[in-house]
Amino acid sequence: MSDLNQALAEKYQGNFLKEVIDNVEEGDMVRMCMQCGVCAGSCPMGPHWEHTPQKIFMMIRANKRDEVLQSDSMWMCTSCYNCIARCPRELPITHIMHGLATYAKRLNLVPQQQPTAKFAQLFWDNLTKKGRVNELKLGISLYFMNGFGEGIKVAMANQKLGMNMLKTKRMAVNEAWGGHSVKDKSGFHAMLKKAAELESAAIEANSK
């Protein structure tokens, strides 16, 4: 258990709902869930969830801290917003699920080999270099995120698609490799650094 995870677990001592309210975006709305199950029935990824949002909210209120934070359920959300659109109490379910994923990552509790978590990190690393996503480099990193051998298999399976994109000028390798950048790259990096400092300060304050 990481030092931060242990400190927060000790601070809240069996009151996981309070921990979620204090540390997760719109976590206070978990209290409003009436367990109707509409979110579970509306989710296109429903069959693939370890625990549906409805169950996650119930587990939070039942103090199932480890089961929730170590679950891959939050990482299955595709932000389609079906759950929010259909929730009779208009709960920000998507925001809460992403907030739980962010919190689990902060505590180093992301499940091993979780593909969505891998993609999120690759996307973030790509974006923060120049302030704009380099789609060619991102695509290559996604191909090889599970190793060189797997990357070759994925590339071979998609070679026809790649050639068609080149022919129709949807992917110009020479231009795409360098990528585009925001005008004030140093200012962009300074903004990210400041945001990280503010987040770290907030985390430290909550852990005391």
N, C-alpha and C. Protein backbone atom coordinates (compact mmCIF):
# COMPACT_ATOMS: atom_id res chain seq x y z
N MET A 1 0.84 -1.19 0.00
CA MET A 1 0.00 0.00 0.00
C MET A 1 0.89 1.25 0.00
N SER A 2 0.61 2.18 -0.93
CA SER A 2 1.40 3.40 -1.00
C SER A 2 1.17 4.25 0.24
N ASP A 3 2.11 5.14 0.53
CA ASP A 3 2.00 6.00 1.71
C ASP A 3 0.74 6.85 1.66
N LEU A 4 0.44 7.40 0.48
CA LEU A 4 -0.75 8.25 0.34
C LEU A 4 -2.02 7.43 0.53
N ASN A 5 -2.07 6.26 -0.06
CA ASN A 5 -3.23 5.39 0.07
C ASN A 5 -3.45 5.02 1.53
N GLN A 6 -2.38 4.67 2.22
CA GLN A 6 -2.48 4.29 3.64
C GLN A 6 -2.92 5.47 4.50
N ALA A 7 -2.37 6.65 4.19
CA ALA A 7 -2.73 7.84 4.96
C ALA A 7 -4.22 8.17 4.81
N LEU A 8 -4.74 8.06 3.61
CA LEU A 8 -6.15 8.37 3.37
C LEU A 8 -7.06 7.29 3.96
N ALA A 9 -6.63 6.04 3.86
CA ALA A 9 -7.42 4.95 4.44
C ALA A 9 -7.53 5.12 5.95
N GLU A 10 -6.43 5.53 6.59
CA GLU A 10 -6.43 5.74 8.04
C GLU A 10 -7.24 6.97 8.42
N LYS A 11 -7.16 8.00 7.60
CA LYS A 11 -7.88 9.24 7.90
C LYS A 11 -9.38 9.02 7.93
N TYR A 12 -9.90 8.27 6.94
CA TYR A 12 -11.36 8.13 6.82
C TYR A 12 -11.90 6.92 7.58
N GLN A 13 -11.05 5.97 7.93
CA GLN A 13 -11.40 4.86 8.83
C GLN A 13 -12.82 4.31 8.65
N GLY A 14 -13.04 3.68 7.52
CA GLY A 14 -14.33 3.02 7.32
C GLY A 14 -15.44 3.91 6.82
N ASN A 15 -15.15 5.15 6.51
CA ASN A 15 -16.18 6.04 5.96
C ASN A 15 -15.78 6.37 4.53
N PHE A 16 -15.92 5.39 3.65
CA PHE A 16 -15.48 5.55 2.27
C PHE A 16 -16.34 6.58 1.53
N LEU A 17 -17.61 6.68 1.89
CA LEU A 17 -18.47 7.68 1.25
C LEU A 17 -17.92 9.08 1.48
N LYS A 18 -17.49 9.37 2.70
CA LYS A 18 -16.91 10.68 3.01
C LYS A 18 -15.62 10.89 2.21
N GLU A 19 -14.83 9.84 2.08
CA GLU A 19 -13.59 9.93 1.31
C GLU A 19 -13.88 10.27 -0.15
N VAL A 20 -14.91 9.63 -0.71
CA VAL A 20 -15.30 9.91 -2.10
C VAL A 20 -15.82 11.34 -2.24
N ILE A 21 -16.62 11.77 -1.30
CA ILE A 21 -17.16 13.14 -1.34
C ILE A 21 -16.04 14.17 -1.32
N ASP A 22 -15.01 13.90 -0.52
CA ASP A 22 -13.90 14.86 -0.37
C ASP A 22 -12.91 14.83 -1.53
N ASN A 23 -12.81 13.69 -2.23
CA ASN A 23 -11.71 13.53 -3.18
C ASN A 23 -12.10 13.24 -4.63
N VAL A 24 -13.37 12.99 -4.87
CA VAL A 24 -13.81 12.62 -6.22
C VAL A 24 -14.76 13.67 -6.77
N GLU A 25 -14.56 14.03 -8.03
CA GLU A 25 -15.40 15.03 -8.67
C GLU A 25 -16.88 14.65 -8.55
N GLU A 26 -17.66 15.55 -7.97
CA GLU A 26 -19.10 15.40 -7.77
C GLU A 26 -19.45 14.13 -6.99
N GLY A 27 -18.51 13.69 -6.15
CA GLY A 27 -18.71 12.49 -5.37
C GLY A 27 -19.87 12.58 -4.38
N ASP A 28 -20.23 13.81 -4.00
CA ASP A 28 -21.35 13.98 -3.06
C ASP A 28 -22.66 13.49 -3.64
N MET A 29 -22.75 13.42 -4.99
CA MET A 29 -23.99 13.00 -5.62
C MET A 29 -24.24 11.51 -5.51
N VAL A 30 -23.23 10.75 -5.07
CA VAL A 30 -23.40 9.31 -4.86
C VAL A 30 -24.54 9.06 -3.89
N ARG A 31 -24.71 9.97 -2.93
CA ARG A 31 -25.77 9.82 -1.92
C ARG A 31 -27.16 9.85 -2.52
N MET A 32 -27.29 10.42 -3.73
CA MET A 32 -28.61 10.59 -4.33
C MET A 32 -29.06 9.39 -5.14
N CYS A 33 -28.18 8.41 -5.34
CA CYS A 33 -28.54 7.23 -6.14
C CYS A 33 -29.62 6.42 -5.42
N MET A 34 -30.70 6.10 -6.15
CA MET A 34 -31.80 5.34 -5.54
C MET A 34 -31.82 3.89 -6.02
N GLN A 35 -30.72 3.46 -6.67
CA GLN A 35 -30.54 2.06 -7.06
C GLN A 35 -31.63 1.54 -8.00
N CYS A 36 -32.04 2.38 -8.94
CA CYS A 36 -33.08 1.96 -9.88
C CYS A 36 -32.52 1.06 -10.98
N GLY A 37 -31.23 1.20 -11.27
CA GLY A 37 -30.60 0.36 -12.28
C GLY A 37 -30.70 0.85 -13.70
N VAL A 38 -31.26 2.04 -13.92
CA VAL A 38 -31.39 2.58 -15.28
C VAL A 38 -30.02 2.77 -15.92
N CYS A 39 -29.04 3.20 -15.13
CA CYS A 39 -27.69 3.42 -15.68
C CYS A 39 -27.10 2.11 -16.20
N ALA A 40 -27.31 1.04 -15.46
CA ALA A 40 -26.78 -0.27 -15.87
C ALA A 40 -27.45 -0.74 -17.16
N GLY A 41 -28.75 -0.53 -17.26
CA GLY A 41 -29.48 -0.95 -18.44
C GLY A 41 -29.22 -0.08 -19.66
N SER A 42 -28.74 1.16 -19.43
CA SER A 42 -28.51 2.09 -20.53
C SER A 42 -27.10 2.02 -21.08
N CYS A 43 -26.18 1.40 -20.34
CA CYS A 43 -24.76 1.42 -20.71
C CYS A 43 -24.46 0.40 -21.81
N PRO A 44 -23.90 0.86 -22.95
CA PRO A 44 -23.55 -0.09 -24.02
C PRO A 44 -22.44 -1.05 -23.62
N MET A 45 -21.67 -0.69 -22.59
CA MET A 45 -20.60 -1.55 -22.11
C MET A 45 -21.05 -2.41 -20.94
N GLY A 46 -22.32 -2.37 -20.64
CA GLY A 46 -22.88 -3.06 -19.48
C GLY A 46 -22.41 -4.49 -19.27
N PRO A 47 -22.43 -5.34 -20.33
CA PRO A 47 -22.03 -6.74 -20.14
C PRO A 47 -20.55 -6.91 -19.77
N HIS A 48 -19.76 -5.87 -19.99
CA HIS A 48 -18.32 -5.98 -19.78
C HIS A 48 -17.86 -5.39 -18.44
N TRP A 49 -18.78 -4.76 -17.71
CA TRP A 49 -18.42 -4.13 -16.44
C TRP A 49 -18.28 -5.20 -15.36
N GLU A 50 -17.27 -5.05 -14.53
CA GLU A 50 -17.18 -5.89 -13.34
C GLU A 50 -18.29 -5.51 -12.37
N HIS A 51 -18.48 -4.19 -12.21
CA HIS A 51 -19.57 -3.67 -11.39
C HIS A 51 -20.17 -2.48 -12.13
N THR A 52 -21.46 -2.46 -12.34
CA THR A 52 -22.13 -1.34 -13.00
C THR A 52 -22.08 -0.11 -12.08
N PRO A 53 -22.32 1.10 -12.62
CA PRO A 53 -22.33 2.30 -11.76
C PRO A 53 -23.25 2.16 -10.56
N GLN A 54 -24.41 1.60 -10.79
CA GLN A 54 -25.36 1.38 -9.70
C GLN A 54 -24.73 0.58 -8.57
N LYS A 55 -24.01 -0.49 -8.92
CA LYS A 55 -23.37 -1.32 -7.91
C LYS A 55 -22.18 -0.60 -7.26
N ILE A 56 -21.43 0.15 -8.07
CA ILE A 56 -20.30 0.92 -7.53
C ILE A 56 -20.79 1.89 -6.45
N PHE A 57 -21.90 2.58 -6.73
CA PHE A 57 -22.43 3.55 -5.76
C PHE A 57 -22.89 2.83 -4.49
N MET A 58 -23.49 1.67 -4.65
CA MET A 58 -23.92 0.89 -3.49
C MET A 58 -22.71 0.44 -2.68
N MET A 59 -21.65 0.02 -3.37
CA MET A 59 -20.43 -0.44 -2.70
C MET A 59 -19.73 0.70 -1.97
N ILE A 60 -19.78 1.90 -2.53
CA ILE A 60 -19.20 3.07 -1.85
C ILE A 60 -19.90 3.29 -0.52
N ARG A 61 -21.20 3.24 -0.55
CA ARG A 61 -21.98 3.48 0.68
C ARG A 61 -21.85 2.33 1.67
N ALA A 62 -21.42 1.17 1.17
CA ALA A 62 -21.23 0.00 2.05
C ALA A 62 -19.77 -0.11 2.51
N ASN A 63 -18.97 0.93 2.24
CA ASN A 63 -17.57 0.99 2.68
C ASN A 63 -16.68 -0.09 2.05
N LYS A 64 -17.00 -0.48 0.82
CA LYS A 64 -16.18 -1.46 0.10
C LYS A 64 -15.04 -0.73 -0.62
N ARG A 65 -14.17 -0.12 0.15
CA ARG A 65 -13.13 0.75 -0.40
C ARG A 65 -12.20 0.03 -1.37
N ASP A 66 -11.59 -1.05 -0.93
CA ASP A 66 -10.63 -1.76 -1.76
C ASP A 66 -11.28 -2.32 -3.01
N GLU A 67 -12.48 -2.88 -2.86
CA GLU A 67 -13.17 -3.47 -4.00
C GLU A 67 -13.46 -2.43 -5.07
N VAL A 68 -13.82 -1.22 -4.66
CA VAL A 68 -14.13 -0.15 -5.61
C VAL A 68 -12.87 0.38 -6.26
N LEU A 69 -11.89 0.77 -5.46
CA LEU A 69 -10.70 1.43 -6.00
C LEU A 69 -9.82 0.50 -6.82
N GLN A 70 -9.91 -0.81 -6.57
CA GLN A 70 -9.10 -1.75 -7.33
C GLN A 70 -9.87 -2.39 -8.48
N SER A 71 -11.11 -1.98 -8.66
CA SER A 71 -11.93 -2.49 -9.75
C SER A 71 -11.54 -1.81 -11.07
N ASP A 72 -11.79 -2.49 -12.19
CA ASP A 72 -11.54 -1.85 -13.48
C ASP A 72 -12.82 -1.24 -14.04
N SER A 73 -13.89 -1.25 -13.24
CA SER A 73 -15.18 -0.76 -13.72
C SER A 73 -15.14 0.69 -14.17
N MET A 74 -14.49 1.55 -13.38
CA MET A 74 -14.46 2.98 -13.73
C MET A 74 -13.77 3.21 -15.07
N TRP A 75 -12.85 2.33 -15.40
CA TRP A 75 -12.08 2.47 -16.63
C TRP A 75 -12.84 2.01 -17.86
N MET A 76 -14.01 1.40 -17.66
CA MET A 76 -14.80 0.92 -18.78
C MET A 76 -15.72 2.00 -19.36
N CYS A 77 -15.84 3.11 -18.69
CA CYS A 77 -16.75 4.18 -19.13
C CYS A 77 -16.23 4.82 -20.42
N THR A 78 -17.09 4.91 -21.45
CA THR A 78 -16.70 5.50 -22.73
C THR A 78 -17.23 6.92 -22.91
N SER A 79 -17.83 7.48 -21.86
CA SER A 79 -18.36 8.85 -21.90
C SER A 79 -19.45 9.02 -22.95
N CYS A 80 -20.30 8.03 -23.11
CA CYS A 80 -21.41 8.17 -24.06
C CYS A 80 -22.55 8.99 -23.46
N TYR A 81 -22.59 9.11 -22.14
CA TYR A 81 -23.56 9.91 -21.40
C TYR A 81 -24.99 9.36 -21.44
N ASN A 82 -25.18 8.12 -21.89
CA ASN A 82 -26.51 7.52 -21.84
C ASN A 82 -27.04 7.49 -20.41
N CYS A 83 -26.15 7.17 -19.47
CA CYS A 83 -26.57 7.05 -18.07
C CYS A 83 -27.06 8.39 -17.52
N ILE A 84 -26.34 9.46 -17.85
CA ILE A 84 -26.74 10.79 -17.37
C ILE A 84 -28.06 11.21 -18.00
N ALA A 85 -28.20 10.95 -19.30
CA ALA A 85 -29.41 11.36 -20.01
C ALA A 85 -30.65 10.65 -19.48
N ARG A 86 -30.48 9.42 -18.99
CA ARG A 86 -31.63 8.63 -18.59
C ARG A 86 -31.82 8.52 -17.08
N CYS A 87 -30.85 8.97 -16.30
CA CYS A 87 -30.98 8.87 -14.85
C CYS A 87 -32.14 9.73 -14.36
N PRO A 88 -33.11 9.14 -13.64
CA PRO A 88 -34.27 9.92 -13.18
C PRO A 88 -33.92 11.02 -12.19
N ARG A 89 -32.74 10.93 -11.57
CA ARG A 89 -32.29 11.98 -10.66
C ARG A 89 -31.18 12.84 -11.25
N GLU A 90 -30.91 12.62 -12.54
CA GLU A 90 -29.94 13.42 -13.28
C GLU A 90 -28.56 13.46 -12.59
N LEU A 91 -28.14 12.32 -12.10
CA LEU A 91 -26.83 12.25 -11.45
C LEU A 91 -25.72 12.32 -12.50
N PRO A 92 -24.61 12.99 -12.20
CA PRO A 92 -23.48 13.09 -13.13
C PRO A 92 -22.64 11.81 -13.09
N ILE A 93 -23.24 10.71 -13.49
CA ILE A 93 -22.62 9.39 -13.33
C ILE A 93 -21.28 9.29 -14.05
N THR A 94 -21.24 9.77 -15.29
CA THR A 94 -20.00 9.71 -16.06
C THR A 94 -18.88 10.45 -15.35
N HIS A 95 -19.17 11.64 -14.82
CA HIS A 95 -18.16 12.44 -14.13
C HIS A 95 -17.65 11.71 -12.89
N ILE A 96 -18.57 11.08 -12.18
CA ILE A 96 -18.18 10.37 -10.96
C ILE A 96 -17.29 9.18 -11.29
N MET A 97 -17.65 8.44 -12.34
CA MET A 97 -16.85 7.28 -12.71
C MET A 97 -15.44 7.68 -13.13
N HIS A 98 -15.33 8.75 -13.92
CA HIS A 98 -14.01 9.23 -14.30
C HIS A 98 -13.26 9.77 -13.08
N GLY A 99 -14.00 10.39 -12.16
CA GLY A 99 -13.37 10.88 -10.94
C GLY A 99 -12.82 9.76 -10.09
N LEU A 100 -13.54 8.66 -10.01
CA LEU A 100 -13.07 7.49 -9.27
C LEU A 100 -11.82 6.90 -9.92
N ALA A 101 -11.81 6.87 -11.26
CA ALA A 101 -10.64 6.36 -11.97
C ALA A 101 -9.42 7.23 -11.69
N THR A 102 -9.62 8.54 -11.72
CA THR A 102 -8.53 9.48 -11.45
C THR A 102 -8.01 9.30 -10.03
N TYR A 103 -8.94 9.12 -9.10
CA TYR A 103 -8.55 8.95 -7.69
C TYR A 103 -7.78 7.64 -7.50
N ALA A 104 -8.24 6.57 -8.14
CA ALA A 104 -7.55 5.28 -8.04
C ALA A 104 -6.15 5.38 -8.62
N LYS A 105 -6.00 6.12 -9.71
CA LYS A 105 -4.68 6.29 -10.32
C LYS A 105 -3.76 7.08 -9.39
N ARG A 106 -4.32 8.09 -8.74
CA ARG A 106 -3.54 8.91 -7.81
C ARG A 106 -3.00 8.05 -6.66
N LEU A 107 -3.75 7.02 -6.29
CA LEU A 107 -3.36 6.14 -5.19
C LEU A 107 -2.59 4.91 -5.67
N ASN A 108 -2.25 4.89 -6.97
CA ASN A 108 -1.52 3.76 -7.56
C ASN A 108 -2.29 2.45 -7.43
N LEU A 109 -3.60 2.51 -7.67
CA LEU A 109 -4.44 1.32 -7.54
C LEU A 109 -5.07 0.90 -8.87
N VAL A 110 -4.52 1.38 -9.98
CA VAL A 110 -5.05 1.00 -11.29
C VAL A 110 -4.76 -0.47 -11.54
N PRO A 111 -5.76 -1.26 -11.96
CA PRO A 111 -5.52 -2.68 -12.24
C PRO A 111 -4.43 -2.86 -13.28
N GLN A 112 -3.61 -3.87 -13.09
CA GLN A 112 -2.54 -4.15 -14.03
C GLN A 112 -3.10 -4.50 -15.41
N GLN A 113 -2.42 -4.03 -16.46
CA GLN A 113 -2.79 -4.33 -17.84
C GLN A 113 -4.19 -3.83 -18.21
N GLN A 114 -4.65 -2.77 -17.56
CA GLN A 114 -5.96 -2.21 -17.90
C GLN A 114 -5.81 -1.39 -19.18
N PRO A 115 -6.43 -1.81 -20.31
CA PRO A 115 -6.18 -1.16 -21.60
C PRO A 115 -6.61 0.30 -21.66
N THR A 116 -7.75 0.64 -21.05
CA THR A 116 -8.20 2.03 -21.08
C THR A 116 -7.26 2.93 -20.31
N ALA A 117 -6.75 2.43 -19.18
CA ALA A 117 -5.79 3.21 -18.40
C ALA A 117 -4.51 3.42 -19.19
N LYS A 118 -4.09 2.39 -19.92
CA LYS A 118 -2.90 2.51 -20.76
C LYS A 118 -3.11 3.56 -21.84
N PHE A 119 -4.28 3.50 -22.49
CA PHE A 119 -4.57 4.47 -23.54
C PHE A 119 -4.59 5.89 -22.99
N ALA A 120 -5.22 6.06 -21.83
CA ALA A 120 -5.33 7.39 -21.22
C ALA A 120 -3.94 7.97 -20.95
N GLN A 121 -3.02 7.14 -20.46
CA GLN A 121 -1.68 7.62 -20.16
C GLN A 121 -0.91 7.95 -21.44
N LEU A 122 -1.04 7.11 -22.48
CA LEU A 122 -0.38 7.36 -23.75
C LEU A 122 -0.91 8.64 -24.39
N PHE A 123 -2.22 8.84 -24.31
CA PHE A 123 -2.84 10.04 -24.87
C PHE A 123 -2.33 11.29 -24.15
N TRP A 124 -2.28 11.20 -22.82
CA TRP A 124 -1.83 12.35 -22.01
C TRP A 124 -0.36 12.67 -22.31
N ASP A 125 0.48 11.66 -22.36
CA ASP A 125 1.90 11.87 -22.64
C ASP A 125 2.10 12.51 -24.01
N ASN A 126 1.29 12.07 -24.97
CA ASN A 126 1.37 12.61 -26.33
C ASN A 126 0.92 14.07 -26.37
N LEU A 127 -0.18 14.34 -25.73
CA LEU A 127 -0.77 15.68 -25.75
C LEU A 127 0.11 16.71 -25.06
N THR A 128 0.70 16.33 -23.93
CA THR A 128 1.42 17.31 -23.12
C THR A 128 2.78 17.70 -23.68
N LYS A 129 3.27 17.00 -24.68
CA LYS A 129 4.56 17.36 -25.26
C LYS A 129 4.49 18.69 -26.00
N LYS A 130 3.45 18.87 -26.82
CA LYS A 130 3.36 20.08 -27.63
C LYS A 130 2.01 20.78 -27.53
N GLY A 131 1.12 20.25 -26.71
CA GLY A 131 -0.18 20.89 -26.56
C GLY A 131 -1.20 20.45 -27.59
N ARG A 132 -0.80 19.63 -28.52
CA ARG A 132 -1.69 19.07 -29.53
C ARG A 132 -1.36 17.59 -29.71
N VAL A 133 -2.37 16.80 -30.04
CA VAL A 133 -2.15 15.37 -30.21
C VAL A 133 -1.51 15.09 -31.56
N ASN A 134 -0.43 14.35 -31.55
CA ASN A 134 0.19 13.87 -32.78
C ASN A 134 -0.41 12.49 -33.04
N GLU A 135 -1.37 12.43 -33.96
CA GLU A 135 -2.14 11.20 -34.15
C GLU A 135 -1.29 10.05 -34.67
N LEU A 136 -0.30 10.35 -35.51
CA LEU A 136 0.55 9.28 -36.03
C LEU A 136 1.34 8.63 -34.90
N LYS A 137 1.99 9.43 -34.07
CA LYS A 137 2.78 8.88 -32.97
C LYS A 137 1.88 8.20 -31.94
N LEU A 138 0.69 8.76 -31.71
CA LEU A 138 -0.23 8.13 -30.77
C LEU A 138 -0.67 6.77 -31.30
N GLY A 139 -0.98 6.71 -32.59
CA GLY A 139 -1.40 5.45 -33.18
C GLY A 139 -0.31 4.38 -33.08
N ILE A 140 0.92 4.78 -33.36
CA ILE A 140 2.03 3.82 -33.28
C ILE A 140 2.23 3.33 -31.84
N SER A 141 2.14 4.26 -30.89
CA SER A 141 2.31 3.86 -29.48
C SER A 141 1.20 2.92 -29.03
N LEU A 142 -0.01 3.11 -29.58
CA LEU A 142 -1.12 2.22 -29.23
C LEU A 142 -0.91 0.83 -29.83
N TYR A 143 -0.38 0.79 -31.06
CA TYR A 143 -0.10 -0.50 -31.69
C TYR A 143 0.85 -1.33 -30.83
N PHE A 144 1.86 -0.66 -30.26
CA PHE A 144 2.92 -1.38 -29.57
C PHE A 144 2.81 -1.32 -28.04
N MET A 145 1.64 -0.91 -27.54
CA MET A 145 1.54 -0.74 -26.08
C MET A 145 1.59 -2.07 -25.34
N ASN A 146 1.35 -3.19 -26.03
CA ASN A 146 1.41 -4.51 -25.39
C ASN A 146 2.61 -5.31 -25.86
N GLY A 147 3.64 -4.60 -26.34
CA GLY A 147 4.86 -5.29 -26.76
C GLY A 147 5.08 -5.24 -28.26
N PHE A 148 6.33 -5.49 -28.67
CA PHE A 148 6.71 -5.38 -30.07
C PHE A 148 5.99 -6.41 -30.94
N GLY A 149 5.95 -7.65 -30.46
CA GLY A 149 5.31 -8.72 -31.24
C GLY A 149 3.84 -8.44 -31.49
N GLU A 150 3.14 -8.02 -30.44
CA GLU A 150 1.72 -7.71 -30.58
C GLU A 150 1.53 -6.51 -31.51
N GLY A 151 2.46 -5.56 -31.43
CA GLY A 151 2.36 -4.37 -32.29
C GLY A 151 2.48 -4.72 -33.76
N ILE A 152 3.38 -5.64 -34.09
CA ILE A 152 3.54 -6.07 -35.48
C ILE A 152 2.26 -6.74 -35.98
N LYS A 153 1.65 -7.56 -35.13
CA LYS A 153 0.40 -8.23 -35.51
C LYS A 153 -0.70 -7.22 -35.80
N VAL A 154 -0.81 -6.21 -34.93
CA VAL A 154 -1.84 -5.19 -35.11
C VAL A 154 -1.58 -4.39 -36.38
N ALA A 155 -0.30 -4.06 -36.60
CA ALA A 155 0.06 -3.28 -37.79
C ALA A 155 -0.25 -4.06 -39.07
N MET A 156 0.07 -5.34 -39.09
CA MET A 156 -0.20 -6.16 -40.27
C MET A 156 -1.70 -6.29 -40.52
N ALA A 157 -2.45 -6.38 -39.44
CA ALA A 157 -3.91 -6.52 -39.59
C ALA A 157 -4.54 -5.24 -40.13
N ASN A 158 -3.87 -4.09 -39.91
CA ASN A 158 -4.43 -2.81 -40.33
C ASN A 158 -3.68 -2.18 -41.51
N GLN A 159 -2.83 -2.97 -42.20
CA GLN A 159 -2.03 -2.39 -43.26
C GLN A 159 -2.88 -1.86 -44.42
N LYS A 160 -3.97 -2.53 -44.75
CA LYS A 160 -4.83 -2.07 -45.85
C LYS A 160 -5.45 -0.71 -45.50
N LEU A 161 -5.90 -0.58 -44.27
CA LEU A 161 -6.46 0.69 -43.82
C LEU A 161 -5.41 1.80 -43.89
N GLY A 162 -4.19 1.48 -43.45
CA GLY A 162 -3.12 2.47 -43.47
C GLY A 162 -2.78 2.93 -44.88
N MET A 163 -2.71 1.99 -45.82
CA MET A 163 -2.41 2.33 -47.21
C MET A 163 -3.50 3.19 -47.82
N ASN A 164 -4.76 2.89 -47.50
CA ASN A 164 -5.87 3.70 -48.01
C ASN A 164 -5.82 5.12 -47.46
N MET A 165 -5.41 5.25 -46.19
CA MET A 165 -5.29 6.59 -45.60
C MET A 165 -4.18 7.39 -46.26
N LEU A 166 -3.08 6.71 -46.62
CA LEU A 166 -1.98 7.38 -47.33
C LEU A 166 -2.42 7.82 -48.72
N LYS A 167 -3.13 6.94 -49.42
CA LYS A 167 -3.56 7.25 -50.78
C LYS A 167 -4.52 8.43 -50.83
N THR A 168 -5.38 8.52 -49.84
CA THR A 168 -6.37 9.60 -49.81
C THR A 168 -5.88 10.83 -49.06
N LYS A 169 -4.58 10.80 -48.69
CA LYS A 169 -3.93 11.92 -48.00
C LYS A 169 -4.56 12.23 -46.65
N ARG A 170 -5.07 11.17 -46.02
CA ARG A 170 -5.60 11.31 -44.67
C ARG A 170 -4.49 11.13 -43.64
N MET A 171 -3.32 10.68 -44.10
CA MET A 171 -2.19 10.50 -43.20
C MET A 171 -0.91 10.78 -43.98
N ALA A 172 -0.38 11.98 -43.84
CA ALA A 172 0.88 12.34 -44.50
C ALA A 172 2.00 12.15 -43.49
N VAL A 173 2.81 11.11 -43.71
CA VAL A 173 3.82 10.72 -42.72
C VAL A 173 4.82 11.84 -42.46
N ASN A 174 5.34 12.46 -43.50
CA ASN A 174 6.36 13.50 -43.33
C ASN A 174 5.85 14.67 -42.49
N GLU A 175 4.58 15.04 -42.71
CA GLU A 175 4.01 16.16 -41.96
C GLU A 175 3.60 15.75 -40.56
N ALA A 176 3.04 14.55 -40.47
CA ALA A 176 2.48 14.11 -39.18
C ALA A 176 3.55 13.76 -38.16
N TRP A 177 4.74 13.32 -38.63
CA TRP A 177 5.74 12.85 -37.68
C TRP A 177 6.19 13.97 -36.73
N GLY A 178 6.36 15.16 -37.27
CA GLY A 178 6.75 16.28 -36.42
C GLY A 178 5.61 16.79 -35.57
N GLY A 179 4.40 16.72 -36.10
CA GLY A 179 3.22 17.16 -35.37
C GLY A 179 3.11 18.67 -35.26
N HIS A 180 1.95 19.11 -34.82
CA HIS A 180 1.71 20.53 -34.62
C HIS A 180 1.91 20.88 -33.15
N SER A 181 2.13 22.15 -32.89
CA SER A 181 2.36 22.60 -31.52
C SER A 181 1.54 23.85 -31.25
N VAL A 182 1.18 24.07 -29.99
CA VAL A 182 0.56 25.32 -29.62
C VAL A 182 1.59 26.44 -29.78
N LYS A 183 1.13 27.66 -29.95
CA LYS A 183 2.05 28.77 -30.18
C LYS A 183 2.97 29.03 -28.99
N ASP A 184 2.40 28.99 -27.80
CA ASP A 184 3.19 29.26 -26.59
C ASP A 184 3.41 27.97 -25.82
N LYS A 185 4.35 27.15 -26.29
CA LYS A 185 4.57 25.84 -25.67
C LYS A 185 5.10 25.97 -24.24
N SER A 186 5.96 26.94 -24.00
CA SER A 186 6.50 27.12 -22.65
C SER A 186 5.40 27.55 -21.69
N GLY A 187 4.50 28.40 -22.17
CA GLY A 187 3.37 28.83 -21.34
C GLY A 187 2.43 27.68 -21.04
N PHE A 188 2.23 26.82 -22.02
CA PHE A 188 1.40 25.63 -21.85
C PHE A 188 1.98 24.71 -20.79
N HIS A 189 3.30 24.48 -20.86
CA HIS A 189 3.95 23.61 -19.87
C HIS A 189 3.93 24.24 -18.47
N ALA A 190 4.05 25.56 -18.42
CA ALA A 190 3.98 26.25 -17.13
C ALA A 190 2.60 26.10 -16.51
N MET A 191 1.57 26.14 -17.35
CA MET A 191 0.19 25.96 -16.88
C MET A 191 -0.01 24.56 -16.31
N LEU A 192 0.50 23.55 -17.02
CA LEU A 192 0.39 22.17 -16.54
C LEU A 192 1.13 21.97 -15.22
N LYS A 193 2.32 22.58 -15.12
CA LYS A 193 3.11 22.48 -13.90
C LYS A 193 2.37 23.09 -12.72
N LYS A 194 1.77 24.25 -12.94
CA LYS A 194 1.02 24.93 -11.88
C LYS A 194 -0.19 24.10 -11.46
N ALA A 195 -0.89 23.52 -12.43
CA ALA A 195 -2.05 22.69 -12.12
C ALA A 195 -1.63 21.48 -11.29
N ALA A 196 -0.48 20.88 -11.63
CA ALA A 196 0.02 19.73 -10.88
C ALA A 196 0.38 20.12 -9.45
N GLU A 197 0.95 21.32 -9.28
CA GLU A 197 1.30 21.80 -7.94
C GLU A 197 0.05 22.02 -7.10
N LEU A 198 -0.99 22.59 -7.70
CA LEU A 198 -2.25 22.83 -6.98
C LEU A 198 -2.90 21.51 -6.59
N GLU A 199 -2.86 20.55 -7.51
CA GLU A 199 -3.45 19.25 -7.23
C GLU A 199 -2.70 18.55 -6.10
N SER A 200 -1.37 18.61 -6.14
CA SER A 200 -0.56 17.98 -5.10
C SER A 200 -0.83 18.60 -3.74
N ALA A 201 -0.99 19.92 -3.73
CA ALA A 201 -1.28 20.62 -2.46
C ALA A 201 -2.63 20.20 -1.91
N ALA A 202 -3.61 20.05 -2.80
CA ALA A 202 -4.95 19.64 -2.37
C ALA A 202 -4.93 18.20 -1.84
N ILE A 203 -4.19 17.34 -2.52
CA ILE A 203 -4.08 15.94 -2.09
C ILE A 203 -3.42 15.86 -0.71
N GLU A 204 -2.36 16.62 -0.54
CA GLU A 204 -1.64 16.62 0.74
C GLU A 204 -2.54 17.13 1.87
N ALA A 205 -3.32 18.16 1.57
CA ALA A 205 -4.22 18.73 2.59
C ALA A 205 -5.29 17.71 2.97
N ASN A 206 -5.81 16.96 1.99
CA ASN A 206 -6.86 15.99 2.26
C ASN A 206 -6.34 14.77 3.00
N SER A 207 -5.03 14.50 2.87
CA SER A 207 -4.48 13.30 3.51
C SER A 207 -4.17 13.53 4.99
N LYS A 208 -4.25 14.79 5.45
CA LYS A 208 -3.94 15.09 6.85
C LYS A 208 -5.17 15.03 7.73
